[in-house]
Structures are given as structure tokens and as C-alpha cells.
C-alpha atoms as a PDB file:
ATOM      1  CA  MET A   1       0.310   0.134   0.024  1.00  0.00           C
ATOM      2  CA  ASN A   2       1.443   3.879  -1.057  1.00  0.00           C
ATOM      3  CA  ILE A   3      -0.081   6.139   1.031  1.00  0.00           C
ATOM      4  CA  GLU A   4       1.170   9.398  -1.260  1.00  0.00           C
ATOM      5  CA  SER A   5      -1.200  12.111   0.013  1.00  0.00           C
ATOM      6  CA  SER A   6      -3.054  12.327   3.313  1.00  0.00           C
ATOM      7  CA  TYR A   7      -6.495  13.359   3.842  1.00  0.00           C
ATOM      8  CA  ASN A   8      -6.972  16.161   6.309  1.00  0.00           C
ATOM      9  CA  LYS A   9     -10.337  16.864   8.007  1.00  0.00           C
ATOM     10  CA  ASN A  10      -9.707  20.032   8.389  1.00  0.00           C
ATOM     11  CA  SER A  11      -9.185  21.228   5.120  1.00  0.00           C
ATOM     12  CA  SER A  12     -10.759  24.148   3.553  1.00  0.00           C
ATOM     13  CA  SER A  13      -9.874  22.935  -0.152  1.00  0.00           C
ATOM     14  CA  PRO A  14     -13.063  23.792  -3.250  1.00  0.00           C
ATOM     15  CA  ILE A  15     -13.236  19.972  -3.634  1.00  0.00           C
ATOM     16  CA  ALA A  16     -14.060  19.233  -0.088  1.00  0.00           C
ATOM     17  CA  GLY A  17     -18.152  18.765   0.296  1.00  0.00           C
ATOM     18  CA  LEU A  18     -19.491  17.907   3.871  1.00  0.00           C
ATOM     19  CA  GLY A  19     -16.131  19.629   5.468  1.00  0.00           C
ATOM     20  CA  ARG A  20     -13.519  16.855   4.560  1.00  0.00           C
ATOM     21  CA  ARG A  21     -10.830  16.419   1.847  1.00  0.00           C
ATOM     22  CA  LYS A  22     -12.187  13.587  -0.834  1.00  0.00           C
ATOM     23  CA  LEU A  23      -9.578  10.371  -0.452  1.00  0.00           C
ATOM     24  CA  ILE A  24      -9.276   8.963  -3.692  1.00  0.00           C
ATOM     25  CA  LEU A  25      -7.931   5.414  -4.326  1.00  0.00           C
ATOM     26  CA  SER A  26      -6.006   5.265  -7.851  1.00  0.00           C
ATOM     27  CA  VAL A  27      -5.176   1.749  -8.720  1.00  0.00           C
ATOM     28  CA  ASP A  28      -3.017   1.001 -11.319  1.00  0.00           C
ATOM     29  CA  ASP A  29       0.263  -1.606 -12.077  1.00  0.00           C
ATOM     30  CA  ASP A  30       1.862   1.864 -13.867  1.00  0.00           C
ATOM     31  CA  SER A  31       3.700   3.165 -11.780  1.00  0.00           C
ATOM     32  CA  SER A  32       4.123   6.435 -13.514  1.00  0.00           C
ATOM     33  CA  VAL A  33       0.230   6.228 -13.843  1.00  0.00           C
ATOM     34  CA  LEU A  34       0.018   6.537 -10.314  1.00  0.00           C
ATOM     35  CA  TYR A  35       3.226   8.690  -9.540  1.00  0.00           C
ATOM     36  CA  ALA A  36       0.865  11.126 -12.448  1.00  0.00           C
ATOM     37  CA  ARG A  37      -2.244  10.545 -10.883  1.00  0.00           C
ATOM     38  CA  TYR A  38      -1.171  11.202  -7.222  1.00  0.00           C
ATOM     39  CA  LYS A  39       0.085  15.442  -8.931  1.00  0.00           C
ATOM     40  CA  LEU A  40      -2.397  15.680 -10.464  1.00  0.00           C
ATOM     41  CA  LEU A  41      -5.243  14.970  -8.231  1.00  0.00           C
ATOM     42  CA  SER A  42      -3.378  16.169  -5.674  1.00  0.00           C
ATOM     43  CA  SER A  43      -2.520  19.612  -6.782  1.00  0.00           C
ATOM     44  CA  MET A  44      -6.714  19.706  -6.829  1.00  0.00           C
ATOM     45  CA  GLY A  45      -6.898  19.515  -3.740  1.00  0.00           C
ATOM     46  CA  TYR A  46      -7.994  16.450  -3.403  1.00  0.00           C
ATOM     47  CA  GLY A  47      -5.997  13.256  -1.134  1.00  0.00           C
ATOM     48  CA  VAL A  48      -5.028  10.262  -3.185  1.00  0.00           C
ATOM     49  CA  ILE A  49      -4.128   6.606  -1.852  1.00  0.00           C
ATOM     50  CA  SER A  50      -2.358   4.693  -5.127  1.00  0.00           C
ATOM     51  CA  ALA A  51      -2.730   0.503  -5.052  1.00  0.00           C
ATOM     52  CA  ASN A  52      -0.562  -1.540  -8.047  1.00  0.00           C
ATOM     53  CA  ASP A  53      -2.717  -3.569  -8.389  1.00  0.00           C
ATOM     54  CA  GLY A  54      -5.687  -5.144  -7.479  1.00  0.00           C
ATOM     55  CA  ILE A  55      -5.749  -7.703  -4.234  1.00  0.00           C
ATOM     56  CA  GLN A  56      -3.797  -4.543  -3.255  1.00  0.00           C
ATOM     57  CA  ALA A  57      -6.318  -2.292  -4.009  1.00  0.00           C
ATOM     58  CA  LEU A  58      -9.706  -4.633  -2.941  1.00  0.00           C
ATOM     59  CA  GLN A  59      -7.300  -4.642   0.788  1.00  0.00           C
ATOM     60  CA  ILE A  60      -7.029  -1.139   0.629  1.00  0.00           C
ATOM     61  CA  PHE A  61     -11.062  -0.430  -0.167  1.00  0.00           C
ATOM     62  CA  GLY A  62     -12.270  -2.210   2.453  1.00  0.00           C
ATOM     63  CA  SER A  63      -9.937  -0.424   5.836  1.00  0.00           C
ATOM     64  CA  THR A  64     -10.010   3.001   4.493  1.00  0.00           C
ATOM     65  CA  PRO A  65     -12.940   5.051   4.147  1.00  0.00           C
ATOM     66  CA  VAL A  66     -12.435   6.199   0.191  1.00  0.00           C
ATOM     67  CA  ASP A  67     -14.792   8.637  -1.938  1.00  0.00           C
ATOM     68  CA  LEU A  68     -14.541   7.781  -5.536  1.00  0.00           C
ATOM     69  CA  VAL A  69     -11.904   5.052  -6.556  1.00  0.00           C
ATOM     70  CA  LEU A  70      -9.601   5.598 -10.749  1.00  0.00           C
ATOM     71  CA  LEU A  71      -9.580   1.677 -11.669  1.00  0.00           C
ATOM     72  CA  ASP A  72      -7.706   0.747 -14.291  1.00  0.00           C
ATOM     73  CA  TYR A  73      -9.113  -2.433 -16.368  1.00  0.00           C
ATOM     74  CA  SER A  74      -5.381  -4.240 -17.839  1.00  0.00           C
ATOM     75  CA  MET A  75      -3.469  -5.453 -14.755  1.00  0.00           C
ATOM     76  CA  PRO A  76      -1.803  -8.325 -13.035  1.00  0.00           C
ATOM     77  CA  PHE A  77      -3.715 -11.549 -11.056  1.00  0.00           C
ATOM     78  CA  LEU A  78      -7.438  -9.235 -11.074  1.00  0.00           C
ATOM     79  CA  ASP A  79      -8.575  -7.007 -13.402  1.00  0.00           C
ATOM     80  CA  GLY A  80     -10.511  -4.218 -13.062  1.00  0.00           C
ATOM     81  CA  GLY A  81     -13.654  -5.649 -13.856  1.00  0.00           C
ATOM     82  CA  GLN A  82     -13.234  -8.321 -11.042  1.00  0.00           C
ATOM     83  CA  VAL A  83     -12.235  -5.848  -8.791  1.00  0.00           C
ATOM     84  CA  ALA A  84     -15.331  -3.563  -9.332  1.00  0.00           C
ATOM     85  CA  GLU A  85     -17.230  -6.366  -8.732  1.00  0.00           C
ATOM     86  CA  ALA A  86     -16.353  -6.688  -4.871  1.00  0.00           C
ATOM     87  CA  MET A  87     -15.695  -3.227  -4.322  1.00  0.00           C
ATOM     88  CA  LYS A  88     -19.640  -3.336  -5.876  1.00  0.00           C
ATOM     89  CA  GLU A  89     -20.463  -5.563  -3.685  1.00  0.00           C
ATOM     90  CA  TYR A  90     -18.610  -4.556  -0.585  1.00  0.00           C
ATOM     91  CA  LYS A  91     -19.759  -0.868  -1.284  1.00  0.00           C
ATOM     92  CA  PRO A  92     -21.960  -0.189  -3.848  1.00  0.00           C
ATOM     93  CA  ASN A  93     -22.739   3.605  -3.173  1.00  0.00           C
ATOM     94  CA  VAL A  94     -18.634   4.441  -4.077  1.00  0.00           C
ATOM     95  CA  PRO A  95     -18.144   5.866  -7.574  1.00  0.00           C
ATOM     96  CA  ILE A  96     -15.780   3.746  -9.412  1.00  0.00           C
ATOM     97  CA  ILE A  97     -14.321   5.398 -12.453  1.00  0.00           C
ATOM     98  CA  LEU A  98     -13.022   3.010 -15.125  1.00  0.00           C
ATOM     99  CA  VAL A  99      -9.615   4.597 -16.321  1.00  0.00           C
ATOM    100  CA  SER A 100      -8.088   2.142 -19.700  1.00  0.00           C
ATOM    101  CA  GLY A 101      -6.495   2.044 -22.947  1.00  0.00           C
ATOM    102  CA  ALA A 102      -7.825  -1.253 -23.887  1.00  0.00           C
ATOM    103  CA  ASP A 103     -11.884  -2.750 -24.541  1.00  0.00           C
ATOM    104  CA  VAL A 104     -13.358  -2.738 -21.778  1.00  0.00           C
ATOM    105  CA  PRO A 105     -16.896  -5.824 -21.915  1.00  0.00           C
ATOM    106  CA  GLU A 106     -20.412  -4.203 -21.305  1.00  0.00           C
ATOM    107  CA  LYS A 107     -20.613  -6.531 -17.896  1.00  0.00           C
ATOM    108  CA  PHE A 108     -17.546  -4.922 -16.511  1.00  0.00           C
ATOM    109  CA  LEU A 109     -19.302  -0.798 -18.408  1.00  0.00           C
ATOM    110  CA  ALA A 110     -22.538  -1.874 -15.971  1.00  0.00           C
ATOM    111  CA  LEU A 111     -20.630  -2.663 -12.969  1.00  0.00           C
ATOM    112  CA  VAL A 112     -18.502   1.361 -13.338  1.00  0.00           C
ATOM    113  CA  ASN A 113     -20.015   4.942 -12.370  1.00  0.00           C
ATOM    114  CA  GLY A 114     -17.666   6.531 -15.469  1.00  0.00           C
ATOM    115  CA  CYS A 115     -15.556   4.765 -18.148  1.00  0.00           C
ATOM    116  CA  VAL A 116     -12.842   7.421 -19.549  1.00  0.00           C
ATOM    117  CA  ARG A 117      -9.693   6.096 -22.202  1.00  0.00           C
ATOM    118  CA  LYS A 118      -6.423   6.151 -21.788  1.00  0.00           C
ATOM    119  CA  GLY A 119      -4.753   9.021 -23.513  1.00  0.00           C
ATOM    120  CA  GLU A 120      -7.712  11.794 -23.400  1.00  0.00           C
ATOM    121  CA  GLY A 121      -5.946  13.694 -20.875  1.00  0.00           C
ATOM    122  CA  PRO A 122      -6.346  15.033 -17.303  1.00  0.00           C
ATOM    123  CA  GLU A 123      -8.932  17.112 -18.435  1.00  0.00           C
ATOM    124  CA  ALA A 124     -11.212  14.321 -19.120  1.00  0.00           C
ATOM    125  CA  LEU A 125     -10.956  12.403 -15.962  1.00  0.00           C
ATOM    126  CA  LEU A 126     -11.087  15.505 -13.792  1.00  0.00           C
ATOM    127  CA  THR A 127     -14.462  16.865 -15.717  1.00  0.00           C
ATOM    128  CA  ALA A 128     -15.151  12.813 -14.735  1.00  0.00           C
ATOM    129  CA  ILE A 129     -14.554  13.048 -10.661  1.00  0.00           C
ATOM    130  CA  THR A 130     -15.283  16.059 -10.797  1.00  0.00           C
ATOM    131  CA  GLU A 131     -18.996  15.094 -11.592  1.00  0.00           C
ATOM    132  CA  LEU A 132     -19.181  12.519  -9.597  1.00  0.00           C
ATOM    133  CA  MET A 133     -18.567  13.803  -6.523  1.00  0.00           C
ATOM    134  CA  GLN A 134     -21.015  15.928  -6.821  1.00  0.00           C
ATOM    135  CA  SER A 135     -23.544  13.925  -7.418  1.00  0.00           C
ATOM    136  CA  SER A 136     -22.474  11.941  -4.709  1.00  0.00           C
ATOM    137  CA  VAL A 137     -22.298  14.351  -2.204  1.00  0.00           C
ATOM    138  CA  GLY A 138     -26.291  15.070  -3.196  1.00  0.00           C
ATOM    139  CA  SER A 139     -27.031  11.582  -2.726  1.00  0.00           C
ATOM    140  CA  ARG A 140     -25.265  11.015  -0.059  1.00  0.00           C
ATOM    141  CA  LEU A 141     -27.299  14.594   1.952  1.00  0.00           C
ATOM    142  CA  VAL A 142     -30.261  13.033   0.529  1.00  0.00           C
ATOM    143  CA  ALA A 143     -29.768   9.903   2.262  1.00  0.00           C
ATOM    144  CA  GLU A 144     -28.747  11.907   5.951  1.00  0.00           C
ATOM    145  CA  VAL A 145     -32.342  14.194   5.532  1.00  0.00           C
ATOM    146  CA  GLU A 146     -34.321  10.928   4.712  1.00  0.00           C
ATOM    147  CA  HIS A 147     -33.230   9.316   7.162  1.00  0.00           C
ATOM    148  CA  LEU A 148     -33.941  12.128  10.126  1.00  0.00           C
ATOM    149  CA  ASN A 149     -37.238  12.772   8.589  1.00  0.00           C
ATOM    150  CA  GLU A 150     -38.077   8.983   9.161  1.00  0.00           C
ATOM    151  CA  ALA A 151     -36.813   9.512  12.879  1.00  0.00           C
ATOM    152  CA  ALA A 152     -38.438  12.611  13.242  1.00  0.00           C
ATOM    153  CA  ILE A 153     -41.703  12.285  15.181  1.00  0.00           C
ATOM    154  CA  TRP A 154     -43.857  14.394  14.275  1.00  0.00           C
ATOM    155  CA  PRO A 155     -46.903  16.128  16.561  1.00  0.00           C
END
């Protein structure tokens, strides 16, 4: 496990959302890709944890409260589709963006919340992340309000 940036619960980052810095799990078997993502995402105010294979990614995912996963498809041991399947079974509300240069089978595309082709550039990746982070925060707020409404005692 390579924790390249811890997340600060008191961050004043504009992407802090609900009072803490958003944490992204970045998964790729290419260390240069992981480093480039780390530099890009940390410069945008995100916390980043990196994993270089699917097994390591699942270990981190199970023990760390991540807000989003960037997942390569073509990796040794477990491919991105297998990893996405396991992640969605364990924590179905965590958004996953598949990042791949390879063709991805439709059954795996149905498991993820977004897909960005390697080579599309950082703008495409950041756009996908921003859109999913905003919809994820909104979904959590709606769920919390519904929970509070159900628990409320009305006269």
C-alpha cells in the first residue's frame, strides 16, 4: 500500500464537500501512471492513496473510507472488472471510474459509474471525477435528510 497523501479532516479545500478533503483510491499497475495521477489530483486538493494491483486495491478499499476509485482495467492478478465487481458488492455507493486504454467488456462497464480512456487527457479525468463527486455528495445529503425525516417525531 502506498499512501501518498493523507487526508485532512479540517481541509479548507473548495472540494471539501462535507467538511473533509475527498480521498481517491487510484489503482494501476503502471507506477508512472500512479505518480502522474497523484501529482494531478493532489494539486487539485484531493487526498490520494495508490495501489498497484487489484488485490492491494481491495485491501485498501476494505479498510479505508474512500470517496471515489480510479481503476485501471488491464492489471495482473485481478483485472479492473473483477475488482469493480468486488468493490460494488462491499460498498455499492462508492463511485468507480474505469480508466483504460483497452476495450472493456460491456458487463464490466455496467458495474462502474464512469469510464475514461487513457490518452483522453487530464481534463476528461477531472471532469468525470468532479461530476461523480458532486452527484455522490448530493445523494448522501438526500439519504441523510430522508433518514432524519423518518426518525423525526411529528406532532
